[in-house]
mmCIF file of all heavy atoms, coordinates in Angstrom:
data_MODEL
# 
_entry.id   MODEL 
# 
loop_
_atom_site.group_PDB 
_atom_site.id 
_atom_site.type_symbol 
_atom_site.label_atom_id 
_atom_site.label_alt_id 
_atom_site.label_comp_id 
_atom_site.label_asym_id 
_atom_site.label_entity_id 
_atom_site.label_seq_id 
_atom_site.pdbx_PDB_ins_code 
_atom_site.Cartn_x 
_atom_site.Cartn_y 
_atom_site.Cartn_z 
_atom_site.occupancy 
_atom_site.B_iso_or_equiv 
_atom_site.pdbx_formal_charge 
_atom_site.auth_seq_id 
_atom_site.auth_comp_id 
_atom_site.auth_asym_id 
_atom_site.auth_atom_id 
_atom_site.pdbx_PDB_model_num 
ATOM 1   N N   . THR A 1 1  ? 72.601  111.773 156.986 1.00 0.00 ? 1  THR A N   1 
ATOM 2   C CA  . THR A 1 1  ? 71.780  111.627 155.785 1.00 0.00 ? 1  THR A CA  1 
ATOM 3   C C   . THR A 1 1  ? 71.270  110.189 155.748 1.00 0.00 ? 1  THR A C   1 
ATOM 4   O O   . THR A 1 1  ? 71.416  109.445 156.718 1.00 0.00 ? 1  THR A O   1 
ATOM 5   C CB  . THR A 1 1  ? 72.582  111.973 154.521 1.00 0.00 ? 1  THR A CB  1 
ATOM 6   O OG1 . THR A 1 1  ? 73.641  111.017 154.347 1.00 0.00 ? 1  THR A OG1 1 
ATOM 7   C CG2 . THR A 1 1  ? 73.187  113.367 154.623 1.00 0.00 ? 1  THR A CG2 1 
ATOM 8   N N   . SER A 1 2  ? 70.702  109.773 154.649 1.00 0.00 ? 2  SER A N   1 
ATOM 9   C CA  . SER A 1 2  ? 70.041  108.466 154.621 1.00 0.00 ? 2  SER A CA  1 
ATOM 10  C C   . SER A 1 2  ? 70.991  107.313 154.914 1.00 0.00 ? 2  SER A C   1 
ATOM 11  O O   . SER A 1 2  ? 70.585  106.300 155.480 1.00 0.00 ? 2  SER A O   1 
ATOM 12  C CB  . SER A 1 2  ? 69.367  108.244 153.262 1.00 0.00 ? 2  SER A CB  1 
ATOM 13  O OG  . SER A 1 2  ? 70.332  108.291 152.215 1.00 0.00 ? 2  SER A OG  1 
ATOM 14  N N   . MET A 1 3  ? 72.274  107.438 154.521 1.00 0.00 ? 3  MET A N   1 
ATOM 15  C CA  . MET A 1 3  ? 73.208  106.331 154.721 1.00 0.00 ? 3  MET A CA  1 
ATOM 16  C C   . MET A 1 3  ? 74.516  106.740 155.385 1.00 0.00 ? 3  MET A C   1 
ATOM 17  O O   . MET A 1 3  ? 75.324  105.890 155.715 1.00 0.00 ? 3  MET A O   1 
ATOM 18  C CB  . MET A 1 3  ? 73.535  105.675 153.373 1.00 0.00 ? 3  MET A CB  1 
ATOM 19  C CG  . MET A 1 3  ? 72.369  104.941 152.732 1.00 0.00 ? 3  MET A CG  1 
ATOM 20  S SD  . MET A 1 3  ? 72.857  103.995 151.262 1.00 0.00 ? 3  MET A SD  1 
ATOM 21  C CE  . MET A 1 3  ? 73.226  105.310 150.110 1.00 0.00 ? 3  MET A CE  1 
ATOM 22  N N   . ARG A 1 4  ? 74.745  108.049 155.586 1.00 0.00 ? 4  ARG A N   1 
ATOM 23  C CA  . ARG A 1 4  ? 76.076  108.488 155.984 1.00 0.00 ? 4  ARG A CA  1 
ATOM 24  C C   . ARG A 1 4  ? 76.049  109.528 157.091 1.00 0.00 ? 4  ARG A C   1 
ATOM 25  O O   . ARG A 1 4  ? 75.087  110.275 157.251 1.00 0.00 ? 4  ARG A O   1 
ATOM 26  C CB  . ARG A 1 4  ? 76.817  109.090 154.773 1.00 0.00 ? 4  ARG A CB  1 
ATOM 27  C CG  . ARG A 1 4  ? 77.319  108.075 153.772 1.00 0.00 ? 4  ARG A CG  1 
ATOM 28  C CD  . ARG A 1 4  ? 77.803  108.768 152.502 1.00 0.00 ? 4  ARG A CD  1 
ATOM 29  N NE  . ARG A 1 4  ? 78.455  107.836 151.599 1.00 0.00 ? 4  ARG A NE  1 
ATOM 30  C CZ  . ARG A 1 4  ? 77.822  106.981 150.812 1.00 0.00 ? 4  ARG A CZ  1 
ATOM 31  N NH1 . ARG A 1 4  ? 76.493  106.930 150.825 1.00 0.00 ? 4  ARG A NH1 1 
ATOM 32  N NH2 . ARG A 1 4  ? 78.498  106.170 150.012 1.00 0.00 ? 4  ARG A NH2 1 
ATOM 33  N N   . ARG A 1 5  ? 77.176  109.594 157.789 1.00 0.00 ? 5  ARG A N   1 
ATOM 34  C CA  . ARG A 1 5  ? 77.538  110.706 158.635 1.00 0.00 ? 5  ARG A CA  1 
ATOM 35  C C   . ARG A 1 5  ? 78.910  111.211 158.172 1.00 0.00 ? 5  ARG A C   1 
ATOM 36  O O   . ARG A 1 5  ? 79.547  110.587 157.323 1.00 0.00 ? 5  ARG A O   1 
ATOM 37  C CB  . ARG A 1 5  ? 77.563  110.285 160.116 1.00 0.00 ? 5  ARG A CB  1 
ATOM 38  C CG  . ARG A 1 5  ? 76.165  110.029 160.680 1.00 0.00 ? 5  ARG A CG  1 
ATOM 39  C CD  . ARG A 1 5  ? 76.201  109.476 162.093 1.00 0.00 ? 5  ARG A CD  1 
ATOM 40  N NE  . ARG A 1 5  ? 74.840  109.458 162.654 1.00 0.00 ? 5  ARG A NE  1 
ATOM 41  C CZ  . ARG A 1 5  ? 74.524  108.893 163.811 1.00 0.00 ? 5  ARG A CZ  1 
ATOM 42  N NH1 . ARG A 1 5  ? 75.471  108.301 164.550 1.00 0.00 ? 5  ARG A NH1 1 
ATOM 43  N NH2 . ARG A 1 5  ? 73.283  108.921 164.256 1.00 0.00 ? 5  ARG A NH2 1 
ATOM 44  N N   . PHE A 1 6  ? 79.356  112.332 158.747 1.00 0.00 ? 6  PHE A N   1 
ATOM 45  C CA  . PHE A 1 6  ? 80.554  112.985 158.233 1.00 0.00 ? 6  PHE A CA  1 
ATOM 46  C C   . PHE A 1 6  ? 81.563  113.216 159.356 1.00 0.00 ? 6  PHE A C   1 
ATOM 47  O O   . PHE A 1 6  ? 81.220  113.755 160.411 1.00 0.00 ? 6  PHE A O   1 
ATOM 48  C CB  . PHE A 1 6  ? 80.198  114.335 157.603 1.00 0.00 ? 6  PHE A CB  1 
ATOM 49  C CG  . PHE A 1 6  ? 79.203  114.238 156.487 1.00 0.00 ? 6  PHE A CG  1 
ATOM 50  C CD1 . PHE A 1 6  ? 77.834  114.224 156.750 1.00 0.00 ? 6  PHE A CD1 1 
ATOM 51  C CD2 . PHE A 1 6  ? 79.622  114.145 155.172 1.00 0.00 ? 6  PHE A CD2 1 
ATOM 52  C CE1 . PHE A 1 6  ? 76.916  114.125 155.728 1.00 0.00 ? 6  PHE A CE1 1 
ATOM 53  C CE2 . PHE A 1 6  ? 78.703  114.047 154.136 1.00 0.00 ? 6  PHE A CE2 1 
ATOM 54  C CZ  . PHE A 1 6  ? 77.341  114.036 154.407 1.00 0.00 ? 6  PHE A CZ  1 
ATOM 55  N N   . TRP A 1 7  ? 82.807  112.823 159.099 1.00 0.00 ? 7  TRP A N   1 
ATOM 56  C CA  . TRP A 1 7  ? 83.869  113.127 160.050 1.00 0.00 ? 7  TRP A CA  1 
ATOM 57  C C   . TRP A 1 7  ? 84.022  114.633 160.215 1.00 0.00 ? 7  TRP A C   1 
ATOM 58  O O   . TRP A 1 7  ? 83.879  115.386 159.239 1.00 0.00 ? 7  TRP A O   1 
ATOM 59  C CB  . TRP A 1 7  ? 85.209  112.579 159.561 1.00 0.00 ? 7  TRP A CB  1 
ATOM 60  C CG  . TRP A 1 7  ? 85.401  111.093 159.617 1.00 0.00 ? 7  TRP A CG  1 
ATOM 61  C CD1 . TRP A 1 7  ? 85.656  110.266 158.566 1.00 0.00 ? 7  TRP A CD1 1 
ATOM 62  C CD2 . TRP A 1 7  ? 85.416  110.257 160.786 1.00 0.00 ? 7  TRP A CD2 1 
ATOM 63  N NE1 . TRP A 1 7  ? 85.813  108.975 158.985 1.00 0.00 ? 7  TRP A NE1 1 
ATOM 64  C CE2 . TRP A 1 7  ? 85.678  108.937 160.354 1.00 0.00 ? 7  TRP A CE2 1 
ATOM 65  C CE3 . TRP A 1 7  ? 85.223  110.504 162.147 1.00 0.00 ? 7  TRP A CE3 1 
ATOM 66  C CZ2 . TRP A 1 7  ? 85.751  107.865 161.233 1.00 0.00 ? 7  TRP A CZ2 1 
ATOM 67  C CZ3 . TRP A 1 7  ? 85.299  109.428 163.029 1.00 0.00 ? 7  TRP A CZ3 1 
ATOM 68  C CH2 . TRP A 1 7  ? 85.558  108.134 162.580 1.00 0.00 ? 7  TRP A CH2 1 
ATOM 69  N N   . ASN A 1 8  ? 84.351  115.055 161.431 1.00 0.00 ? 8  ASN A N   1 
ATOM 70  C CA  . ASN A 1 8  ? 84.790  116.431 161.665 1.00 0.00 ? 8  ASN A CA  1 
ATOM 71  C C   . ASN A 1 8  ? 86.267  116.479 161.285 1.00 0.00 ? 8  ASN A C   1 
ATOM 72  O O   . ASN A 1 8  ? 87.145  116.133 162.074 1.00 0.00 ? 8  ASN A O   1 
ATOM 73  C CB  . ASN A 1 8  ? 84.592  116.814 163.132 1.00 0.00 ? 8  ASN A CB  1 
ATOM 74  C CG  . ASN A 1 8  ? 85.088  118.217 163.429 1.00 0.00 ? 8  ASN A CG  1 
ATOM 75  O OD1 . ASN A 1 8  ? 85.666  118.891 162.580 1.00 0.00 ? 8  ASN A OD1 1 
ATOM 76  N ND2 . ASN A 1 8  ? 84.876  118.670 164.648 1.00 0.00 ? 8  ASN A ND2 1 
ATOM 77  N N   . MET A 1 9  ? 86.551  116.884 160.063 1.00 0.00 ? 9  MET A N   1 
ATOM 78  C CA  . MET A 1 9  ? 87.907  116.803 159.533 1.00 0.00 ? 9  MET A CA  1 
ATOM 79  C C   . MET A 1 9  ? 88.867  117.757 160.225 1.00 0.00 ? 9  MET A C   1 
ATOM 80  O O   . MET A 1 9  ? 90.089  117.622 160.089 1.00 0.00 ? 9  MET A O   1 
ATOM 81  C CB  . MET A 1 9  ? 87.889  117.050 158.027 1.00 0.00 ? 9  MET A CB  1 
ATOM 82  C CG  . MET A 1 9  ? 87.098  116.023 157.229 1.00 0.00 ? 9  MET A CG  1 
ATOM 83  S SD  . MET A 1 9  ? 87.785  114.348 157.333 1.00 0.00 ? 9  MET A SD  1 
ATOM 84  C CE  . MET A 1 9  ? 89.257  114.519 156.319 1.00 0.00 ? 9  MET A CE  1 
ATOM 85  N N   . ALA A 1 10 ? 88.351  118.727 160.967 1.00 0.00 ? 10 ALA A N   1 
ATOM 86  C CA  . ALA A 1 10 ? 89.208  119.654 161.715 1.00 0.00 ? 10 ALA A CA  1 
ATOM 87  C C   . ALA A 1 10 ? 89.543  119.132 163.109 1.00 0.00 ? 10 ALA A C   1 
ATOM 88  O O   . ALA A 1 10 ? 90.304  119.767 163.847 1.00 0.00 ? 10 ALA A O   1 
ATOM 89  C CB  . ALA A 1 10 ? 88.529  121.022 161.816 1.00 0.00 ? 10 ALA A CB  1 
ATOM 90  N N   . ASP A 1 11 ? 89.006  117.989 163.486 1.00 0.00 ? 11 ASP A N   1 
ATOM 91  C CA  . ASP A 1 11 ? 89.243  117.376 164.782 1.00 0.00 ? 11 ASP A CA  1 
ATOM 92  C C   . ASP A 1 11 ? 90.588  116.637 164.744 1.00 0.00 ? 11 ASP A C   1 
ATOM 93  O O   . ASP A 1 11 ? 90.780  115.732 163.924 1.00 0.00 ? 11 ASP A O   1 
ATOM 94  C CB  . ASP A 1 11 ? 88.092  116.394 165.071 1.00 0.00 ? 11 ASP A CB  1 
ATOM 95  C CG  . ASP A 1 11 ? 88.223  115.691 166.418 1.00 0.00 ? 11 ASP A CG  1 
ATOM 96  O OD1 . ASP A 1 11 ? 89.316  115.704 167.017 1.00 0.00 ? 11 ASP A OD1 1 
ATOM 97  O OD2 . ASP A 1 11 ? 87.211  115.110 166.866 1.00 0.00 ? 11 ASP A OD2 1 
ATOM 98  N N   . PRO A 1 12 ? 91.546  116.986 165.616 1.00 0.00 ? 12 PRO A N   1 
ATOM 99  C CA  . PRO A 1 12 ? 92.849  116.299 165.599 1.00 0.00 ? 12 PRO A CA  1 
ATOM 100 C C   . PRO A 1 12 ? 92.724  114.789 165.771 1.00 0.00 ? 12 PRO A C   1 
ATOM 101 O O   . PRO A 1 12 ? 93.521  114.025 165.200 1.00 0.00 ? 12 PRO A O   1 
ATOM 102 C CB  . PRO A 1 12 ? 93.598  116.943 166.771 1.00 0.00 ? 12 PRO A CB  1 
ATOM 103 C CG  . PRO A 1 12 ? 92.967  118.293 166.935 1.00 0.00 ? 12 PRO A CG  1 
ATOM 104 C CD  . PRO A 1 12 ? 91.518  118.084 166.593 1.00 0.00 ? 12 PRO A CD  1 
ATOM 105 N N   . TRP A 1 13 ? 91.740  114.334 166.569 1.00 0.00 ? 13 TRP A N   1 
ATOM 106 C CA  . TRP A 1 13 ? 91.547  112.898 166.735 1.00 0.00 ? 13 TRP A CA  1 
ATOM 107 C C   . TRP A 1 13 ? 91.214  112.250 165.401 1.00 0.00 ? 13 TRP A C   1 
ATOM 108 O O   . TRP A 1 13 ? 91.720  111.160 165.083 1.00 0.00 ? 13 TRP A O   1 
ATOM 109 C CB  . TRP A 1 13 ? 90.428  112.628 167.743 1.00 0.00 ? 13 TRP A CB  1 
ATOM 110 C CG  . TRP A 1 13 ? 90.238  111.170 168.052 1.00 0.00 ? 13 TRP A CG  1 
ATOM 111 C CD1 . TRP A 1 13 ? 90.804  110.477 169.078 1.00 0.00 ? 13 TRP A CD1 1 
ATOM 112 C CD2 . TRP A 1 13 ? 89.443  110.231 167.309 1.00 0.00 ? 13 TRP A CD2 1 
ATOM 113 N NE1 . TRP A 1 13 ? 90.411  109.152 169.036 1.00 0.00 ? 13 TRP A NE1 1 
ATOM 114 C CE2 . TRP A 1 13 ? 89.577  108.970 167.953 1.00 0.00 ? 13 TRP A CE2 1 
ATOM 115 C CE3 . TRP A 1 13 ? 88.644  110.320 166.180 1.00 0.00 ? 13 TRP A CE3 1 
ATOM 116 C CZ2 . TRP A 1 13 ? 88.933  107.830 167.492 1.00 0.00 ? 13 TRP A CZ2 1 
ATOM 117 C CZ3 . TRP A 1 13 ? 88.007  109.171 165.708 1.00 0.00 ? 13 TRP A CZ3 1 
ATOM 118 C CH2 . TRP A 1 13 ? 88.149  107.944 166.359 1.00 0.00 ? 13 TRP A CH2 1 
ATOM 119 N N   . VAL A 1 14 ? 90.361  112.898 164.612 1.00 0.00 ? 14 VAL A N   1 
ATOM 120 C CA  . VAL A 1 14 ? 89.979  112.358 163.301 1.00 0.00 ? 14 VAL A CA  1 
ATOM 121 C C   . VAL A 1 14 ? 91.192  112.303 162.381 1.00 0.00 ? 14 VAL A C   1 
ATOM 122 O O   . VAL A 1 14 ? 91.397  111.314 161.657 1.00 0.00 ? 14 VAL A O   1 
ATOM 123 C CB  . VAL A 1 14 ? 88.848  113.202 162.678 1.00 0.00 ? 14 VAL A CB  1 
ATOM 124 C CG1 . VAL A 1 14 ? 88.596  112.782 161.228 1.00 0.00 ? 14 VAL A CG1 1 
ATOM 125 C CG2 . VAL A 1 14 ? 87.569  113.069 163.496 1.00 0.00 ? 14 VAL A CG2 1 
ATOM 126 N N   . GLU A 1 15 ? 92.012  113.339 162.407 1.00 0.00 ? 15 GLU A N   1 
ATOM 127 C CA  . GLU A 1 15 ? 93.217  113.325 161.564 1.00 0.00 ? 15 GLU A CA  1 
ATOM 128 C C   . GLU A 1 15 ? 94.112  112.147 161.936 1.00 0.00 ? 15 GLU A C   1 
ATOM 129 O O   . GLU A 1 15 ? 94.621  111.433 161.053 1.00 0.00 ? 15 GLU A O   1 
ATOM 130 C CB  . GLU A 1 15 ? 93.986  114.635 161.702 1.00 0.00 ? 15 GLU A CB  1 
ATOM 131 C CG  . GLU A 1 15 ? 95.227  114.674 160.817 1.00 0.00 ? 15 GLU A CG  1 
ATOM 132 C CD  . GLU A 1 15 ? 95.984  115.980 160.896 1.00 0.00 ? 15 GLU A CD  1 
ATOM 133 O OE1 . GLU A 1 15 ? 95.444  116.952 161.465 1.00 0.00 ? 15 GLU A OE1 1 
ATOM 134 O OE2 . GLU A 1 15 ? 97.124  116.034 160.392 1.00 0.00 ? 15 GLU A OE2 1 
ATOM 135 N N   . ASP A 1 16 ? 94.306  111.924 163.234 1.00 0.00 ? 16 ASP A N   1 
ATOM 136 C CA  . ASP A 1 16 ? 95.127  110.786 163.670 1.00 0.00 ? 16 ASP A CA  1 
ATOM 137 C C   . ASP A 1 16 ? 94.501  109.462 163.232 1.00 0.00 ? 16 ASP A C   1 
ATOM 138 O O   . ASP A 1 16 ? 95.203  108.537 162.785 1.00 0.00 ? 16 ASP A O   1 
ATOM 139 C CB  . ASP A 1 16 ? 95.284  110.806 165.190 1.00 0.00 ? 16 ASP A CB  1 
ATOM 140 C CG  . ASP A 1 16 ? 96.153  111.954 165.684 1.00 0.00 ? 16 ASP A CG  1 
ATOM 141 O OD1 . ASP A 1 16 ? 96.893  112.539 164.866 1.00 0.00 ? 16 ASP A OD1 1 
ATOM 142 O OD2 . ASP A 1 16 ? 96.079  112.271 166.885 1.00 0.00 ? 16 ASP A OD2 1 
ATOM 143 N N   . TYR A 1 17 ? 93.177  109.355 163.367 1.00 0.00 ? 17 TYR A N   1 
ATOM 144 C CA  . TYR A 1 17 ? 92.470  108.134 162.978 1.00 0.00 ? 17 TYR A CA  1 
ATOM 145 C C   . TYR A 1 17 ? 92.666  107.853 161.485 1.00 0.00 ? 17 TYR A C   1 
ATOM 146 O O   . TYR A 1 17 ? 92.972  106.721 161.084 1.00 0.00 ? 17 TYR A O   1 
ATOM 147 C CB  . TYR A 1 17 ? 90.986  108.299 163.301 1.00 0.00 ? 17 TYR A CB  1 
ATOM 148 C CG  . TYR A 1 17 ? 90.101  107.144 162.907 1.00 0.00 ? 17 TYR A CG  1 
ATOM 149 C CD1 . TYR A 1 17 ? 89.846  106.102 163.795 1.00 0.00 ? 17 TYR A CD1 1 
ATOM 150 C CD2 . TYR A 1 17 ? 89.501  107.092 161.652 1.00 0.00 ? 17 TYR A CD2 1 
ATOM 151 C CE1 . TYR A 1 17 ? 89.020  105.041 163.447 1.00 0.00 ? 17 TYR A CE1 1 
ATOM 152 C CE2 . TYR A 1 17 ? 88.679  106.038 161.282 1.00 0.00 ? 17 TYR A CE2 1 
ATOM 153 C CZ  . TYR A 1 17 ? 88.443  105.018 162.180 1.00 0.00 ? 17 TYR A CZ  1 
ATOM 154 O OH  . TYR A 1 17 ? 87.628  103.975 161.822 1.00 0.00 ? 17 TYR A OH  1 
ATOM 155 N N   . LEU A 1 18 ? 92.512  108.891 160.660 1.00 0.00 ? 18 LEU A N   1 
ATOM 156 C CA  . LEU A 1 18 ? 92.642  108.706 159.214 1.00 0.00 ? 18 LEU A CA  1 
ATOM 157 C C   . LEU A 1 18 ? 94.094  108.479 158.804 1.00 0.00 ? 18 LEU A C   1 
ATOM 158 O O   . LEU A 1 18 ? 94.359  107.781 157.820 1.00 0.00 ? 18 LEU A O   1 
ATOM 159 C CB  . LEU A 1 18 ? 92.055  109.914 158.477 1.00 0.00 ? 18 LEU A CB  1 
ATOM 160 C CG  . LEU A 1 18 ? 90.529  110.070 158.596 1.00 0.00 ? 18 LEU A CG  1 
ATOM 161 C CD1 . LEU A 1 18 ? 90.071  111.347 157.915 1.00 0.00 ? 18 LEU A CD1 1 
ATOM 162 C CD2 . LEU A 1 18 ? 89.807  108.867 157.996 1.00 0.00 ? 18 LEU A CD2 1 
ATOM 163 N N   . CYS A 1 19 ? 95.031  109.052 159.557 1.00 0.00 ? 19 CYS A N   1 
ATOM 164 C CA  . CYS A 1 19 ? 96.436  108.752 159.282 1.00 0.00 ? 19 CYS A CA  1 
ATOM 165 C C   . CYS A 1 19 ? 96.705  107.266 159.481 1.00 0.00 ? 19 CYS A C   1 
ATOM 166 O O   . CYS A 1 19 ? 97.442  106.639 158.704 1.00 0.00 ? 19 CYS A O   1 
ATOM 167 C CB  . CYS A 1 19 ? 97.345  109.584 160.193 1.00 0.00 ? 19 CYS A CB  1 
ATOM 168 S SG  . CYS A 1 19 ? 97.484  111.318 159.715 1.00 0.00 ? 19 CYS A SG  1 
ATOM 169 N N   . GLU A 1 20 ? 96.082  106.701 160.506 1.00 0.00 ? 20 GLU A N   1 
ATOM 170 C CA  . GLU A 1 20 ? 96.262  105.282 160.797 1.00 0.00 ? 20 GLU A CA  1 
ATOM 171 C C   . GLU A 1 20 ? 95.528  104.403 159.790 1.00 0.00 ? 20 GLU A C   1 
ATOM 172 O O   . GLU A 1 20 ? 96.100  103.441 159.254 1.00 0.00 ? 20 GLU A O   1 
ATOM 173 C CB  . GLU A 1 20 ? 95.756  104.981 162.213 1.00 0.00 ? 20 GLU A CB  1 
ATOM 174 C CG  . GLU A 1 20 ? 95.743  103.508 162.590 1.00 0.00 ? 20 GLU A CG  1 
ATOM 175 C CD  . GLU A 1 20 ? 97.131  102.909 162.730 1.00 0.00 ? 20 GLU A CD  1 
ATOM 176 O OE1 . GLU A 1 20 ? 98.096  103.670 162.946 1.00 0.00 ? 20 GLU A OE1 1 
ATOM 177 O OE2 . GLU A 1 20 ? 97.246  101.672 162.626 1.00 0.00 ? 20 GLU A OE2 1 
ATOM 178 N N   . ARG A 1 21 ? 94.276  104.729 159.497 1.00 0.00 ? 21 ARG A N   1 
ATOM 179 C CA  . ARG A 1 21 ? 93.450  103.848 158.662 1.00 0.00 ? 21 ARG A CA  1 
ATOM 180 C C   . ARG A 1 21 ? 93.681  104.051 157.165 1.00 0.00 ? 21 ARG A C   1 
ATOM 181 O O   . ARG A 1 21 ? 93.467  103.124 156.379 1.00 0.00 ? 21 ARG A O   1 
ATOM 182 C CB  . ARG A 1 21 ? 91.967  104.073 158.982 1.00 0.00 ? 21 ARG A CB  1 
ATOM 183 C CG  . ARG A 1 21 ? 91.573  103.764 160.418 1.00 0.00 ? 21 ARG A CG  1 
ATOM 184 C CD  . ARG A 1 21 ? 91.798  102.291 160.782 1.00 0.00 ? 21 ARG A CD  1 
ATOM 185 N NE  . ARG A 1 21 ? 91.586  102.029 162.198 1.00 0.00 ? 21 ARG A NE  1 
ATOM 186 C CZ  . ARG A 1 21 ? 90.460  101.546 162.710 1.00 0.00 ? 21 ARG A CZ  1 
ATOM 187 N NH1 . ARG A 1 21 ? 89.435  101.273 161.919 1.00 0.00 ? 21 ARG A NH1 1 
ATOM 188 N NH2 . ARG A 1 21 ? 90.359  101.336 164.001 1.00 0.00 ? 21 ARG A NH2 1 
ATOM 189 N N   . VAL A 1 22 ? 94.089  105.250 156.764 1.00 0.00 ? 22 VAL A N   1 
ATOM 190 C CA  . VAL A 1 22 ? 94.262  105.546 155.338 1.00 0.00 ? 22 VAL A CA  1 
ATOM 191 C C   . VAL A 1 22 ? 95.742  105.604 154.965 1.00 0.00 ? 22 VAL A C   1 
ATOM 192 O O   . VAL A 1 22 ? 96.231  104.790 154.178 1.00 0.00 ? 22 VAL A O   1 
ATOM 193 C CB  . VAL A 1 22 ? 93.552  106.863 154.955 1.00 0.00 ? 22 VAL A CB  1 
ATOM 194 C CG1 . VAL A 1 22 ? 93.790  107.191 153.478 1.00 0.00 ? 22 VAL A CG1 1 
ATOM 195 C CG2 . VAL A 1 22 ? 92.055  106.773 155.236 1.00 0.00 ? 22 VAL A CG2 1 
ATOM 196 N N   . ILE A 1 23 ? 96.465  106.576 155.525 1.00 0.00 ? 23 ILE A N   1 
ATOM 197 C CA  . ILE A 1 23 ? 97.858  106.773 155.104 1.00 0.00 ? 23 ILE A CA  1 
ATOM 198 C C   . ILE A 1 23 ? 98.714  105.553 155.441 1.00 0.00 ? 23 ILE A C   1 
ATOM 199 O O   . ILE A 1 23 ? 99.516  105.095 154.609 1.00 0.00 ? 23 ILE A O   1 
ATOM 200 C CB  . ILE A 1 23 ? 98.434  108.054 155.732 1.00 0.00 ? 23 ILE A CB  1 
ATOM 201 C CG1 . ILE A 1 23 ? 97.689  109.278 155.201 1.00 0.00 ? 23 ILE A CG1 1 
ATOM 202 C CG2 . ILE A 1 23 ? 99.933  108.172 155.433 1.00 0.00 ? 23 ILE A CG2 1 
ATOM 203 C CD1 . ILE A 1 23 ? 98.139  110.602 155.794 1.00 0.00 ? 23 ILE A CD1 1 
ATOM 204 N N   . ARG A 1 24 ? 98.549  105.026 156.646 1.00 0.00 ? 24 ARG A N   1 
ATOM 205 C CA  . ARG A 1 24 ? 99.364  103.859 157.006 1.00 0.00 ? 24 ARG A CA  1 
ATOM 206 C C   . ARG A 1 24 ? 99.052  102.674 156.109 1.00 0.00 ? 24 ARG A C   1 
ATOM 207 O O   . ARG A 1 24 ? 99.971  101.930 155.702 1.00 0.00 ? 24 ARG A O   1 
ATOM 208 C CB  . ARG A 1 24 ? 99.131  103.484 158.467 1.00 0.00 ? 24 ARG A CB  1 
ATOM 209 C CG  . ARG A 1 24 ? 99.999  102.315 158.911 1.00 0.00 ? 24 ARG A CG  1 
ATOM 210 C CD  . ARG A 1 24 ? 99.850  102.026 160.387 1.00 0.00 ? 24 ARG A CD  1 
ATOM 211 N NE  . ARG A 1 24 ? 100.591 100.826 160.749 1.00 0.00 ? 24 ARG A NE  1 
ATOM 212 C CZ  . ARG A 1 24 ? 100.672 100.334 161.978 1.00 0.00 ? 24 ARG A CZ  1 
ATOM 213 N NH1 . ARG A 1 24 ? 100.054 100.952 162.975 1.00 0.00 ? 24 ARG A NH1 1 
ATOM 214 N NH2 . ARG A 1 24 ? 101.343 99.224  162.227 1.00 0.00 ? 24 ARG A NH2 1 
ATOM 215 N N   . MET A 1 25 ? 97.795  102.489 155.763 1.00 0.00 ? 25 MET A N   1 
ATOM 216 C CA  . MET A 1 25 ? 97.445  101.372 154.886 1.00 0.00 ? 25 MET A CA  1 
ATOM 217 C C   . MET A 1 25 ? 98.059  101.552 153.494 1.00 0.00 ? 25 MET A C   1 
ATOM 218 O O   . MET A 1 25 ? 98.572  100.599 152.895 1.00 0.00 ? 25 MET A O   1 
ATOM 219 C CB  . MET A 1 25 ? 95.928  101.249 154.765 1.00 0.00 ? 25 MET A CB  1 
ATOM 220 C CG  . MET A 1 25 ? 95.498  100.075 153.905 1.00 0.00 ? 25 MET A CG  1 
ATOM 221 S SD  . MET A 1 25 ? 93.719  99.888  153.877 1.00 0.00 ? 25 MET A SD  1 
ATOM 222 C CE  . MET A 1 25 ? 93.572  98.517  152.732 1.00 0.00 ? 25 MET A CE  1 
# 
């Protein structure tokens, strides 16, 4: 879209990435 793209939330790599960047923080 004009300013954003969207994670593939069903992608295991994305889940691991967000666990590191969100949950761990």
